Amino acid sequence: MASEFESALLMSTAMAMLMFGHELSRNSIMALFTSETTGFAKAEVLTLAMSCVSPFSLLLLIWYGKKLHSDGPRLALRKSSLAVALALALSGLILTSLQKQTVQQEEVHNVIGKLWENFEQKLKFLSEKTKPSQLLIFALFVLQNSYSQLLCTQQWSFLTSVIPPKKCATFFSIIAGIASLSSAVAAACVSLLVGLVGLPGLLLLTGAFLLLSVLFSEWAYSNWEQRNAHTGKGTTPAPFHNTTLMHGSLDLIQRVPMLKALLYEVFTCQCLSSLLNVCFVSTITETFPDDEIRAGVYGKFYFLISGISGCLQFGAIPFLMKKVEAKRVWIAMPTIMVFFTSLQCLKHNRSAYLVSAGFFVMKTIEYSVHTVVNNMAYVTLDYESRNFGKQIINVFGFMAGRSCMYLALSVTSTVFGPIPIQTLCLLANMFAFLWMASAYSLCRIVPASTDSKKLE
């Protein structure tokens, strides 16, 4: 038992390092992306970039599936983490050189400019001349919105394998709380760090924290494998069936009905979150035109979200999950958002505070509760469902939900012009009801063993 919790603690530390770096990169890249000098001033580009997240995540899933099949979960996590750390660090160095107007800037511009020339012609709504560095920032934005889920779900897969089912309700909340507090600390430091190292420098720091995450995850795997070597448990069971990605994914979803229900629940949840995110980013960009000030605003906003989520995960949620069935929590989350989105629809004059409040509540629910109850659903599943199944939900539920919504918004705004806030609020209210319906369907399928009260 001691080895289980020691390994869980080490992987929790690795997750905390991952989320600390992720928070730095998110604020840095969002500020660079929405900047009028280095990024894109048009809102349509944001929705286009988000619509590219799901296809890129699918490519990551294909790569991850091959690595998981050939190397096992430990090497797959190590290689994917190191690849992301290297990409972010190199991007930070390139952007730093561009900002400092070094001698290499012209050469980098020429290389990126040739790659961007053909792509620029396809973006007809970009009337102004696109800067070469924008290609890199566009790619960084897509990577940043993809890599955290890829790495975090691998860490959660390890934790669901290590922590006993009877303890998952309590320890999952604490682990998620550690990650939230780590994000809160990073968000609180954004303004200070931007003043010291600049926005590209945050990407270098992200790469450093990802390396720390790799070290702790390796330590966790080594500890678990050494302690369980005499029992033959290990961490690398038999490989998956040798099938194609799509066929294997469909077969797994059909074989495990709970994965199918989770897929619908996560998809509708992320559609709602994406709608609220568009409203929030547009409002903040219009209110705070300065790049560094806007990065600080993002940092303070997510600091409050992560801080409150961490406090809930250490205090209220472990108590709640012991007393209340997980099924009731699944229903309660969309019910709360139905209330807030309905309130936004009823208000004719929507201030930045009201728009931010809806997104604030949504992200707090995602960070504090949704992560915990969804990971509890995987505890009773087999190895393939916990590892590859989680990645399928990540790509076809989490990422596809975001990308499909952003793609729909991008096409609509390109054809019919900017979408009014009133319309976005009505859509958000509709998807809140759809989320509630999918949560209800999930509760009818989820096994009774998922409820913490039945695990005691």
Foldseek 3Di string as FASTA:
>chain_A
DVLLVVLLVLLLVLLLLLLLLLLLLVLLLLLQQCAPVRHDVDLLLVLVLLLVLLVVLVVVLQVLLVCCQPPNLLVSLLVLLLVLLVLLQVLLVLVVCCVVVDPCNVVQQVVLVVVCVVVVVVPVVPPDDDGSSHVVSSVSVSCSVRSSLVNVLSSLLSSLVRDDLLCLQQVLLLSLLSNLQSSLVSLQCNLVVCVVQNSSVSSNVSSVSSVVSSVSNVVSLVSVCVVCVVVVPHRRDHGDDPDDPVVVLVVVCVVAVLLVLLQQLLLLLQLLLLLLVSLLSVQLCVVDNDSSVSSSVSSNLSSVLSNVLSVCSNPVRSVCLQVDWLLVVLLVLLVVLLVLLVVVLVDPDDDSVSSSVSSSSSSSCVSRPVSSLVSLLCSPPDSCCSRSVSSCSCSSRNSNSNSVSSVVQSVCCVVPNHDDPSVSSVVSSVSSVSSSVSSNVSSVRRDPSSRSNVSD
